[in-house]
Protein backbone atom coordinates (compact mmCIF):
# COMPACT_ATOMS: atom_id res chain seq x y z
CA MET A 1 0.01 0.38 -0.15
CA GLY A 2 1.20 3.08 -0.82
CA ASP A 3 0.77 6.66 0.77
CA THR A 4 -2.65 7.05 2.38
CA ARG A 5 -4.79 8.70 4.40
CA GLN A 6 -8.49 8.73 5.49
CA ILE A 7 -10.93 11.25 4.09
CA ALA A 8 -14.47 12.91 6.07
CA ILE A 9 -17.08 12.76 3.72
CA PRO A 10 -20.19 14.44 4.62
CA ILE A 11 -23.30 13.34 3.54
CA GLY A 12 -25.75 15.72 4.56
CA ASP A 13 -25.18 18.38 8.06
CA ALA A 14 -24.81 15.61 10.24
CA GLU A 15 -23.59 12.46 9.31
CA THR A 16 -20.09 11.47 7.74
CA VAL A 17 -18.60 8.29 6.03
CA THR A 18 -14.91 7.69 6.05
CA GLY A 19 -13.00 7.43 2.61
CA ILE A 20 -9.51 6.15 2.20
CA LEU A 21 -7.26 8.12 -0.17
CA GLU A 22 -4.27 6.87 -1.88
CA GLY A 23 -1.65 8.58 -4.02
CA GLY A 24 -0.91 12.16 -4.00
CA THR A 25 -3.73 14.83 -5.32
CA GLY A 26 -2.50 17.24 -8.35
CA THR A 27 -3.28 17.69 -12.23
CA ALA A 28 -3.70 14.07 -12.67
CA PRO A 29 -7.23 12.42 -12.94
CA GLY A 30 -8.51 11.71 -9.85
CA ILE A 31 -10.38 7.74 -9.82
CA LEU A 32 -13.18 7.20 -7.49
CA LEU A 33 -13.76 3.63 -6.88
CA ALA A 34 -16.63 2.15 -5.59
CA HIS A 35 -16.84 -1.17 -3.68
CA GLY A 36 -19.27 -3.78 -4.74
CA ALA A 37 -22.74 -5.24 -2.80
CA GLY A 38 -21.05 -7.80 -0.67
CA ALA A 39 -17.59 -6.30 0.60
CA GLY A 40 -16.84 -2.78 1.40
CA GLN A 41 -13.67 -0.66 1.21
CA HIS A 42 -11.15 -2.84 3.28
CA HIS A 43 -11.74 -6.11 1.16
CA ARG A 44 -8.44 -7.16 -0.18
CA TRP A 45 -9.78 -6.62 -3.94
CA MET A 46 -10.72 -3.30 -3.15
CA VAL A 47 -7.29 -2.32 -1.30
CA PHE A 48 -5.20 -4.09 -4.64
CA MET A 49 -7.25 -2.11 -7.00
CA ARG A 50 -6.78 1.30 -5.47
CA GLY A 51 -2.98 0.74 -5.25
CA ALA A 52 -2.97 -0.72 -8.55
CA LEU A 53 -4.73 2.48 -9.62
CA ALA A 54 -2.76 5.11 -7.61
CA ALA A 55 0.68 3.37 -8.82
CA GLN A 56 -0.42 4.47 -12.30
CA GLY A 57 -0.56 7.88 -11.31
CA PHE A 58 -4.31 8.35 -10.16
CA PRO A 59 -5.06 9.27 -6.72
CA THR A 60 -7.78 6.78 -5.83
CA MET A 61 -10.28 6.92 -3.27
CA THR A 62 -12.56 4.29 -1.98
CA PHE A 63 -15.67 5.14 0.47
CA ASP A 64 -18.26 2.79 2.26
CA TYR A 65 -21.68 3.33 1.46
CA ARG A 66 -24.02 3.88 4.30
CA TYR A 67 -25.29 0.47 4.94
CA THR A 68 -21.73 -1.24 4.85
CA ALA A 69 -20.18 1.72 6.90
CA ARG A 70 -23.13 0.99 9.85
CA GLY A 71 -22.73 -2.89 9.43
CA ARG A 72 -25.37 -4.13 7.40
CA LYS A 73 -25.30 -6.73 4.82
CA ALA A 74 -28.13 -5.48 2.53
CA PRO A 75 -27.68 -2.84 -0.17
CA ASP A 76 -29.28 0.24 0.19
CA ARG A 77 -32.04 1.27 -2.19
CA LEU A 78 -30.83 3.22 -4.85
CA PRO A 79 -31.50 6.63 -3.88
CA THR A 80 -29.66 6.27 -0.48
CA LEU A 81 -26.55 4.74 -2.33
CA LEU A 82 -26.58 7.63 -5.05
CA ASP A 83 -26.72 10.22 -2.18
CA VAL A 84 -23.31 8.84 -0.87
CA HIS A 85 -21.53 8.22 -3.76
CA GLU A 86 -22.29 11.72 -4.83
CA ALA A 87 -20.95 13.27 -1.73
CA ALA A 88 -17.72 10.97 -2.10
CA ALA A 89 -17.45 12.23 -5.42
CA ASP A 90 -18.01 15.39 -4.90
CA THR A 91 -15.19 15.05 -2.03
CA LEU A 92 -12.84 13.86 -4.13
CA SER A 93 -13.17 16.91 -6.96
CA GLU A 94 -12.36 19.30 -4.60
CA MET A 95 -8.49 17.76 -4.34
CA VAL A 96 -8.64 16.92 -8.10
CA ASP A 97 -8.97 18.47 -11.40
CA GLU A 98 -11.52 15.88 -12.77
CA VAL A 99 -12.96 12.58 -11.76
CA VAL A 100 -13.51 9.30 -13.07
CA LEU A 101 -15.95 7.23 -11.97
CA ALA A 102 -14.98 3.47 -11.23
CA GLY A 103 -16.42 0.81 -9.74
CA LYS A 104 -16.61 -2.75 -8.53
CA SER A 105 -19.91 -4.95 -9.65
CA MET A 106 -22.67 -2.47 -7.76
CA GLY A 107 -20.16 0.36 -7.36
CA GLY A 108 -20.16 0.76 -11.09
CA ARG A 109 -23.61 0.11 -11.68
CA VAL A 110 -24.45 3.21 -8.77
CA ALA A 111 -21.97 5.44 -10.47
CA SER A 112 -23.39 4.83 -13.75
CA HIS A 113 -26.98 6.02 -12.24
CA LEU A 114 -24.99 8.89 -10.94
CA ALA A 115 -23.48 9.98 -14.20
CA ALA A 116 -27.08 9.63 -16.11
CA ASP A 117 -29.29 10.17 -13.68
CA ARG A 118 -28.00 12.91 -12.02
CA ARG A 119 -26.17 14.39 -14.35
CA TRP A 120 -22.85 14.30 -12.32
CA PRO A 121 -19.87 15.18 -14.73
CA ALA A 122 -17.44 12.87 -14.96
CA SER A 123 -14.52 12.73 -16.85
CA ALA A 124 -14.88 9.05 -17.70
CA LEU A 125 -16.74 5.43 -16.44
CA VAL A 126 -14.93 2.30 -15.73
CA TYR A 127 -16.84 -0.27 -15.05
CA TYR A 128 -14.87 -3.95 -13.12
CA GLY A 129 -17.62 -6.47 -13.83
CA TYR A 130 -21.05 -4.45 -14.47
CA PRO A 131 -23.56 -6.40 -12.85
CA LEU A 132 -25.70 -6.92 -15.75
CA VAL A 133 -27.88 -9.75 -14.62
CA PRO A 134 -29.08 -9.94 -10.92
CA VAL A 135 -28.19 -12.91 -9.00
CA GLY A 136 -31.01 -15.59 -9.19
CA LYS A 137 -32.64 -13.62 -12.09
CA PRO A 138 -32.69 -14.83 -15.44
CA GLU A 139 -33.38 -11.20 -17.57
CA PRO A 140 -30.88 -8.53 -17.74
CA ARG A 141 -31.35 -5.26 -15.93
CA ASP A 142 -32.79 -2.30 -17.76
CA THR A 143 -29.42 -0.28 -19.14
CA THR A 144 -31.16 2.33 -21.03
CA HIS A 145 -29.62 5.03 -18.83
CA LEU A 146 -26.57 4.08 -19.76
CA ALA A 147 -27.21 5.71 -23.25
CA ARG A 148 -27.75 9.39 -21.30
CA ILE A 149 -23.91 9.34 -20.40
CA SER A 150 -21.86 11.38 -22.73
CA SER A 151 -18.57 10.73 -20.77
CA PRO A 152 -16.46 7.71 -22.07
CA GLN A 153 -17.39 4.32 -20.64
CA LEU A 154 -14.84 1.33 -20.08
CA PHE A 155 -16.12 -1.93 -19.60
CA PHE A 156 -13.99 -4.89 -18.56
CA ALA A 157 -16.01 -8.34 -18.14
CA GLY A 158 -14.46 -11.86 -17.48
CA THR A 159 -15.34 -14.87 -19.63
CA ARG A 160 -16.54 -16.87 -16.73
CA ASP A 161 -18.53 -13.92 -15.29
CA ARG A 162 -21.83 -14.80 -14.62
CA LEU A 163 -23.59 -11.62 -13.74
CA GLY A 164 -21.84 -9.92 -17.00
CA PRO A 165 -21.38 -12.43 -19.63
CA PRO A 166 -19.35 -10.92 -22.36
CA ASP A 167 -21.91 -11.15 -24.91
CA LEU A 168 -24.34 -10.19 -23.39
CA VAL A 169 -22.03 -6.79 -22.41
CA ARG A 170 -20.94 -6.75 -25.97
CA GLU A 171 -24.63 -6.03 -26.96
CA VAL A 172 -24.88 -2.75 -24.38
CA VAL A 173 -21.78 -1.58 -25.59
CA THR A 174 -22.75 -1.88 -29.71
CA GLY A 175 -25.34 0.50 -28.58
CA LEU A 176 -23.65 3.69 -26.65
CA PRO A 177 -22.05 6.43 -28.14
CA ASP A 178 -18.60 5.97 -26.67
CA ALA A 179 -17.65 3.02 -24.91
CA CYS A 180 -15.46 -0.24 -25.06
CA LEU A 181 -15.22 -3.77 -23.89
CA VAL A 182 -12.19 -5.35 -22.44
CA VAL A 183 -13.05 -9.15 -22.43
CA VAL A 184 -10.72 -10.82 -19.57
CA ASP A 185 -10.12 -14.61 -20.84
CA ASP A 186 -10.54 -17.09 -17.98
CA ALA A 187 -11.81 -14.60 -15.41
CA ASP A 188 -14.74 -14.43 -12.89
CA HIS A 189 -16.84 -11.45 -11.89
CA SER A 190 -14.02 -10.81 -9.43
CA PHE A 191 -11.36 -11.28 -12.29
CA ALA A 192 -10.05 -14.13 -10.45
CA VAL A 193 -8.47 -17.00 -12.81
CA PRO A 194 -8.09 -20.88 -12.50
CA LYS A 195 -4.19 -21.68 -11.83
CA ARG A 196 -4.15 -23.76 -15.13
CA THR A 197 -3.75 -20.35 -16.73
CA GLY A 198 -0.03 -19.62 -14.89
CA ARG A 199 -1.84 -16.09 -13.87
CA THR A 200 -2.57 -15.08 -10.36
CA GLN A 201 -5.61 -12.37 -9.80
CA ALA A 202 -3.37 -9.74 -8.44
CA GLU A 203 -1.14 -10.31 -12.12
CA VAL A 204 -4.99 -9.82 -13.54
CA LEU A 205 -6.07 -7.14 -11.85
CA THR A 206 -2.38 -5.12 -12.28
CA GLU A 207 -3.39 -5.39 -15.91
CA ILE A 208 -6.89 -3.83 -15.58
CA ALA A 209 -5.17 -1.36 -14.12
CA ALA A 210 -2.74 -0.71 -16.56
CA ARG A 211 -5.36 -0.66 -19.20
CA THR A 212 -7.28 1.60 -17.07
CA ALA A 213 -4.86 3.99 -16.96
CA GLU A 214 -4.39 3.81 -20.76
CA PHE A 215 -7.79 4.41 -21.26
CA VAL A 216 -7.96 7.51 -19.12
CA ARG A 217 -4.93 8.89 -20.47
CA SER A 218 -6.23 8.53 -24.25
CA ARG A 219 -9.49 10.66 -23.30
């Protein structure tokens, strides 16, 4: 882990959640990395990816949604998730020139609604396993809101991801104005790969961070 510091994120007038910022601030775009439904910002996946993105030269901040900060397992409803996400984005925007909204699974989906429904001015969006197919549901989620996002969008999808099968994600990406898809061979929803591949999850996530950096710099 590199240079990190805790950031107080005000939610309304009387409540805060804690963010963790890794990497120095400055002229480079900052990345707001939101966690998935099942684990908060202290999960090893989030800690590793935050460090990998910061190592690419981008100040990266994670945060906990309200339900996670309060020790609950069930995610809040979307409006509440959006309130916390927007507060975190506003907080990071005060420290960097521009903000990339990124997220793992649910965190990426909420980021997309923040950009589409609340018009939050992200310079780009990055999705690490967009949860296109809800757990236990046969039909994909409605993704029509993604077309309302004018910022560039980058999707990562593993070939073993049941929540975001690359073929289905590709159909969504094809209909968007400025979006691209990176398919990660043999990866599951968290981008873990079988031992037979000769790669580790850490190596895969490091490659994903590098591809993210290329995408952000190109925009």
